[in-house]
Protein backbone atom coordinates (compact mmCIF):
# COMPACT_ATOMS: atom_id res chain seq x y z
CA MET A 1 4.71 36.60 14.92
CA LYS A 2 6.72 37.29 11.77
CA TRP A 3 9.14 40.05 11.01
CA ARG A 4 7.82 42.41 8.45
CA LYS A 5 10.50 42.41 5.74
CA GLU A 6 9.90 46.04 4.81
CA SER A 7 11.01 47.19 8.30
CA PRO A 8 14.80 47.69 8.75
CA MET A 9 16.27 45.84 11.69
CA ARG A 10 19.65 46.11 13.31
CA ILE A 11 21.88 43.12 12.46
CA ASN A 12 22.31 41.84 16.02
CA ARG A 13 18.53 41.88 16.61
CA TYR A 14 17.97 40.11 13.29
CA LEU A 15 20.42 37.31 14.20
CA ALA A 16 18.84 36.94 17.57
CA LYS A 17 15.37 36.62 16.02
CA CYS A 18 16.76 33.89 13.74
CA GLY A 19 17.33 31.95 16.92
CA LEU A 20 21.05 31.99 16.33
CA ALA A 21 22.28 33.69 19.50
CA SER A 22 21.70 36.55 21.93
CA ARG A 23 22.17 40.03 20.60
CA ARG A 24 25.45 40.31 22.42
CA LYS A 25 26.69 37.01 21.07
CA ALA A 26 25.56 38.01 17.60
CA GLU A 27 27.86 41.04 17.80
CA ASP A 28 30.76 38.67 18.65
CA TYR A 29 29.94 36.76 15.41
CA ILE A 30 30.27 40.01 13.42
CA ARG A 31 33.58 40.92 15.11
CA GLU A 32 34.86 37.43 14.23
CA GLY A 33 34.04 37.93 10.56
CA ARG A 34 31.47 35.10 10.51
CA VAL A 35 28.61 37.18 9.12
CA MET A 36 28.22 38.10 5.45
CA VAL A 37 25.71 40.34 3.67
CA GLY A 38 25.56 40.46 -0.11
CA GLY A 39 28.54 38.26 -0.43
CA GLU A 40 30.84 40.47 1.70
CA VAL A 41 31.92 40.09 5.30
CA LEU A 42 30.05 42.43 7.55
CA ARG A 43 31.99 44.63 9.94
CA ASP A 44 29.45 47.23 10.86
CA LEU A 45 27.70 46.40 14.20
CA SER A 46 25.04 49.01 13.47
CA TYR A 47 24.13 47.61 10.02
CA GLN A 48 20.32 47.75 9.34
CA VAL A 49 19.04 44.59 7.61
CA GLN A 50 16.90 45.59 4.54
CA ALA A 51 14.28 43.72 2.64
CA GLY A 52 16.01 41.44 0.13
CA ASP A 53 19.29 41.17 2.13
CA ARG A 54 20.77 37.68 2.09
CA ILE A 55 22.50 37.04 5.45
CA LEU A 56 24.99 34.21 5.88
CA VAL A 57 26.58 32.99 9.14
CA ASP A 58 29.45 30.57 8.74
CA GLY A 59 28.42 30.22 5.10
CA LYS A 60 24.89 29.20 5.86
CA GLU A 61 21.90 31.48 5.07
CA VAL A 62 19.84 32.39 8.07
CA ARG A 63 16.25 33.70 8.11
CA ILE A 64 13.80 34.74 10.71
CA GLU A 65 11.26 32.03 11.46
CA GLU A 66 7.95 32.45 13.06
CA GLU A 67 8.42 32.55 16.82
CA VAL A 68 7.23 29.34 18.51
CA PHE A 69 6.98 28.23 22.06
CA PHE A 70 6.22 24.63 23.15
CA LEU A 71 5.84 22.86 26.44
CA TYR A 72 7.26 19.33 26.15
CA HIS A 73 7.14 16.35 28.51
CA LYS A 74 10.53 14.66 28.20
CA PRO A 75 10.44 10.92 28.91
CA ARG A 76 13.12 9.01 30.67
CA LYS A 77 15.95 7.67 28.49
CA VAL A 78 15.55 10.50 25.92
CA LEU A 79 18.48 12.83 25.26
CA VAL A 80 18.22 16.64 25.22
CA SER A 81 20.37 17.15 22.16
CA HIS A 82 20.17 17.64 18.43
CA HIS A 83 22.59 14.79 17.66
CA ASP A 84 23.93 11.71 19.41
CA PRO A 85 26.50 9.36 17.82
CA PHE A 86 25.14 6.41 19.80
CA HIS A 87 21.70 6.86 18.17
CA SER A 88 19.79 7.53 21.39
CA ARG A 89 16.25 8.85 21.05
CA LEU A 90 16.29 12.64 21.03
CA ILE A 91 13.68 15.09 22.19
CA TYR A 92 13.62 16.67 18.79
CA ASP A 93 12.32 13.41 17.31
CA ASP A 94 9.02 14.25 19.01
CA LEU A 95 8.99 17.95 18.10
CA PRO A 96 8.29 19.89 14.85
CA LYS A 97 11.15 19.89 12.41
CA MET A 98 12.75 23.36 12.79
CA ASP A 99 16.46 24.04 12.65
CA SER A 100 16.55 26.74 15.30
CA LEU A 101 14.56 24.99 18.10
CA PHE A 102 16.31 24.55 21.37
CA ALA A 103 15.30 23.36 24.85
CA VAL A 104 15.52 25.57 27.89
CA GLY A 105 16.52 24.06 31.23
CA ARG A 106 18.59 20.92 31.19
CA LEU A 107 17.18 17.46 32.10
CA ASP A 108 19.64 14.55 32.14
CA PHE A 109 19.12 11.28 30.29
CA ASP A 110 17.44 9.47 33.21
CA SER A 111 15.26 12.41 34.34
CA GLU A 112 11.89 13.33 32.92
CA GLY A 113 9.41 16.18 32.93
CA LEU A 114 8.86 19.65 31.60
CA LEU A 115 10.98 21.40 29.05
CA PHE A 116 10.33 24.77 27.44
CA VAL A 117 11.24 24.60 23.77
CA THR A 118 11.47 27.65 21.56
CA ASN A 119 13.39 29.45 18.82
CA ARG A 120 13.42 32.75 20.74
CA GLY A 121 16.60 33.23 22.74
CA GLY A 122 15.53 36.26 24.74
CA LEU A 123 12.53 34.66 26.36
CA ALA A 124 14.49 31.47 26.94
CA GLN A 125 16.92 33.38 29.14
CA THR A 126 14.03 34.36 31.40
CA ILE A 127 13.66 30.70 32.38
CA ALA A 128 17.28 29.68 32.31
CA HIS A 129 19.14 32.45 34.12
CA PRO A 130 19.17 32.32 37.94
CA SER A 131 18.88 36.11 38.13
CA TYR A 132 15.21 35.92 37.08
CA GLN A 133 14.41 33.74 40.19
CA MET A 134 12.25 31.41 38.07
CA GLU A 135 11.13 28.52 40.31
CA LYS A 136 11.64 24.97 39.12
CA GLU A 137 9.63 22.26 40.97
CA TYR A 138 10.75 18.66 41.00
CA TRP A 139 9.05 15.56 42.38
CA VAL A 140 11.65 13.04 43.65
CA PHE A 141 11.46 9.35 44.64
CA LEU A 142 14.25 8.40 46.91
CA ASP A 143 15.82 5.01 47.43
CA ARG A 144 14.76 5.04 51.11
CA PRO A 145 12.59 7.21 53.32
CA LEU A 146 13.77 10.60 54.41
CA PRO A 147 13.06 10.48 58.15
CA ALA A 148 12.94 14.23 58.68
CA ILE A 149 13.75 17.34 56.73
CA ASP A 150 16.60 19.35 58.27
CA GLU A 151 15.68 22.94 57.57
CA ALA A 152 19.39 23.90 57.83
CA TRP A 153 20.02 22.32 54.44
CA THR A 154 17.44 24.52 52.86
CA HIS A 155 18.45 27.78 54.68
CA PHE A 156 22.27 27.35 54.48
CA GLY A 157 22.78 24.83 51.76
CA LEU A 158 25.69 22.47 51.46
CA THR A 159 28.85 21.99 49.38
CA PHE A 160 29.40 18.84 47.41
CA ARG A 161 32.35 18.22 45.10
CA GLY A 162 33.23 21.88 45.04
CA ALA A 163 29.80 23.14 44.15
CA ARG A 164 27.31 24.90 46.38
CA TYR A 165 23.68 23.69 46.47
CA ARG A 166 20.84 25.42 48.24
CA PRO A 167 17.24 24.64 47.38
CA ASP A 168 14.53 27.22 47.98
CA ARG A 169 12.20 24.67 49.66
CA LEU A 170 12.24 21.05 50.46
CA GLU A 171 9.01 19.29 51.51
CA PHE A 172 7.48 15.89 51.76
CA LEU A 173 5.19 15.09 48.87
CA SER A 174 1.88 13.57 49.89
CA LYS A 175 -0.13 11.25 47.75
CA GLU A 176 -3.06 13.58 48.30
CA GLU A 177 -1.20 16.41 46.70
CA ILE A 178 -0.30 14.12 43.80
CA ASP A 179 -3.98 13.32 43.29
CA ILE A 180 -4.99 16.96 43.46
CA ARG A 181 -2.40 18.10 40.89
CA SER A 182 -3.73 15.29 38.59
CA TYR A 183 -0.73 15.26 36.24
CA THR A 184 -0.75 12.58 33.56
CA LEU A 185 2.39 10.87 34.98
CA THR A 186 2.79 7.15 34.25
CA ASP A 187 3.29 4.96 37.33
CA TRP A 188 3.49 7.88 39.76
CA PRO A 189 3.78 7.53 42.64
CA PRO A 190 6.07 4.53 42.05
CA LYS A 191 4.89 1.16 43.35
CA GLY A 192 6.08 0.39 46.87
CA SER A 193 6.59 4.01 47.79
CA GLU A 194 5.95 4.84 51.47
CA ASP A 195 5.83 7.96 53.49
CA GLY A 196 9.11 9.74 53.23
CA HIS A 197 10.11 8.30 49.89
CA LEU A 198 8.44 11.14 47.97
CA VAL A 199 9.91 14.59 48.21
CA LYS A 200 9.17 17.88 46.49
CA ILE A 201 12.09 20.27 45.92
CA ILE A 202 11.89 23.79 44.62
CA LEU A 203 14.84 25.81 43.40
CA HIS A 204 15.67 28.56 40.93
CA GLU A 205 19.26 27.76 40.02
CA GLY A 206 20.21 25.49 37.14
CA LYS A 207 23.39 23.64 38.01
CA LYS A 208 24.07 20.38 36.20
CA ARG A 209 22.38 17.39 37.96
CA GLU A 210 21.61 19.70 40.88
CA VAL A 211 18.80 17.72 42.47
CA ARG A 212 20.55 14.40 42.20
CA ARG A 213 23.77 15.77 43.67
CA PHE A 214 22.02 17.51 46.50
CA PHE A 215 20.46 14.27 47.66
CA GLN A 216 23.62 12.32 46.96
CA ALA A 217 25.38 14.70 49.36
CA LEU A 218 22.86 13.77 52.03
CA GLY A 219 23.43 10.07 51.42
CA TYR A 220 20.41 9.31 49.22
CA GLU A 221 19.99 7.97 45.64
CA VAL A 222 17.36 9.52 43.43
CA VAL A 223 15.47 6.66 41.81
CA ARG A 224 13.08 8.82 39.87
CA LEU A 225 13.11 12.50 39.12
CA ILE A 226 10.27 14.49 37.47
CA ARG A 227 10.26 18.23 36.80
CA VAL A 228 6.60 19.27 36.99
CA ARG A 229 6.85 23.07 36.84
CA LEU A 230 8.88 25.88 35.40
CA GLY A 231 7.59 29.16 36.86
CA PRO A 232 4.05 29.63 35.57
CA LEU A 233 4.34 26.62 33.20
CA ASP A 234 3.39 23.17 34.34
CA ILE A 235 3.22 19.64 32.93
CA SER A 236 -0.53 19.14 33.18
CA GLU A 237 -2.24 17.74 30.09
CA LEU A 238 1.01 16.24 28.72
CA SER A 239 1.86 12.59 28.82
CA ALA A 240 5.53 11.53 28.32
CA GLY A 241 6.66 12.36 24.76
CA GLN A 242 3.89 14.83 24.10
CA TYR A 243 4.10 18.63 23.49
CA ARG A 244 1.69 21.54 23.10
CA PRO A 245 2.04 25.21 22.10
CA ALA A 246 2.41 27.57 25.02
CA ARG A 247 -0.75 29.58 25.66
CA PRO A 248 -0.74 33.39 25.22
CA GLU A 249 -1.27 33.92 28.94
CA GLU A 250 1.73 31.74 29.67
CA ILE A 251 4.00 33.72 27.37
CA ARG A 252 2.73 36.97 28.87
CA ALA A 253 3.53 35.74 32.36
CA LEU A 254 7.12 34.96 31.30
CA GLU A 255 7.49 38.27 29.49
CA GLU A 256 6.11 40.22 32.49
CA ARG A 257 8.53 38.44 34.85
CA ALA A 258 11.46 39.23 32.52
CA SER A 259 10.32 42.89 32.30
CA MET A 260 9.99 43.18 36.09
CA PHE A 261 13.60 42.01 36.69
CA ARG A 262 14.97 44.15 33.89
CA LYS A 263 13.45 47.21 35.50
CA GLY A 264 14.93 46.15 38.83
CA ASP A 265 18.36 46.18 37.24
CA ASN A 266 18.06 49.83 36.08
């Protein structure tokens, strides 16, 4: 989908479609004097971008790119970042070379699994913001068997190092379910895993290292962590390091969910 240059577009919407920021944040850029049009600092929040306008933000020209949506299987020991001074492998080394791409939903260096990568900020918020109740499903291999699941931890949650953690569901993961889901996961389940080692956890929040810290609070170490699903998106068909374009029906499902929650806010 490309913007038709002959159609005027409000400046905040234009900057959002450039993948630069949300519309609200784009307005902050204008107030801060960071946006220029035709060589002059723009002050008018209602300015309509016209065909032929040259828009600069912080001295760099920005243009609307074709909207892209990718599902990417992040391997372990790969960093979710555009730059690393220690020269770690980055997820963007595996993806198309586009300046405005960004990953939705953090995964730490030692974790693996599904990331949604796009240059469209609005749809990204549908996945990232807790208010949209987008389920995130993780498969977890613990350092020792979990003898029984205490439902209280799921219903009431727990506090660890000043943060509150409350998963939506916590279940044992059977090898039969792993076979049925038939994901292309290398060495999963891990060798030597027994009943109780493998756990499935589903949540909709996005706190930093949330799954690891939840189990750490219960006295367990997460040996391996894989995110297999983000709402209607799953990791099937993707080996570690691979990506594919999101299908039209997947994008529609995300947009419908976003629309449903926006209506609920009105």
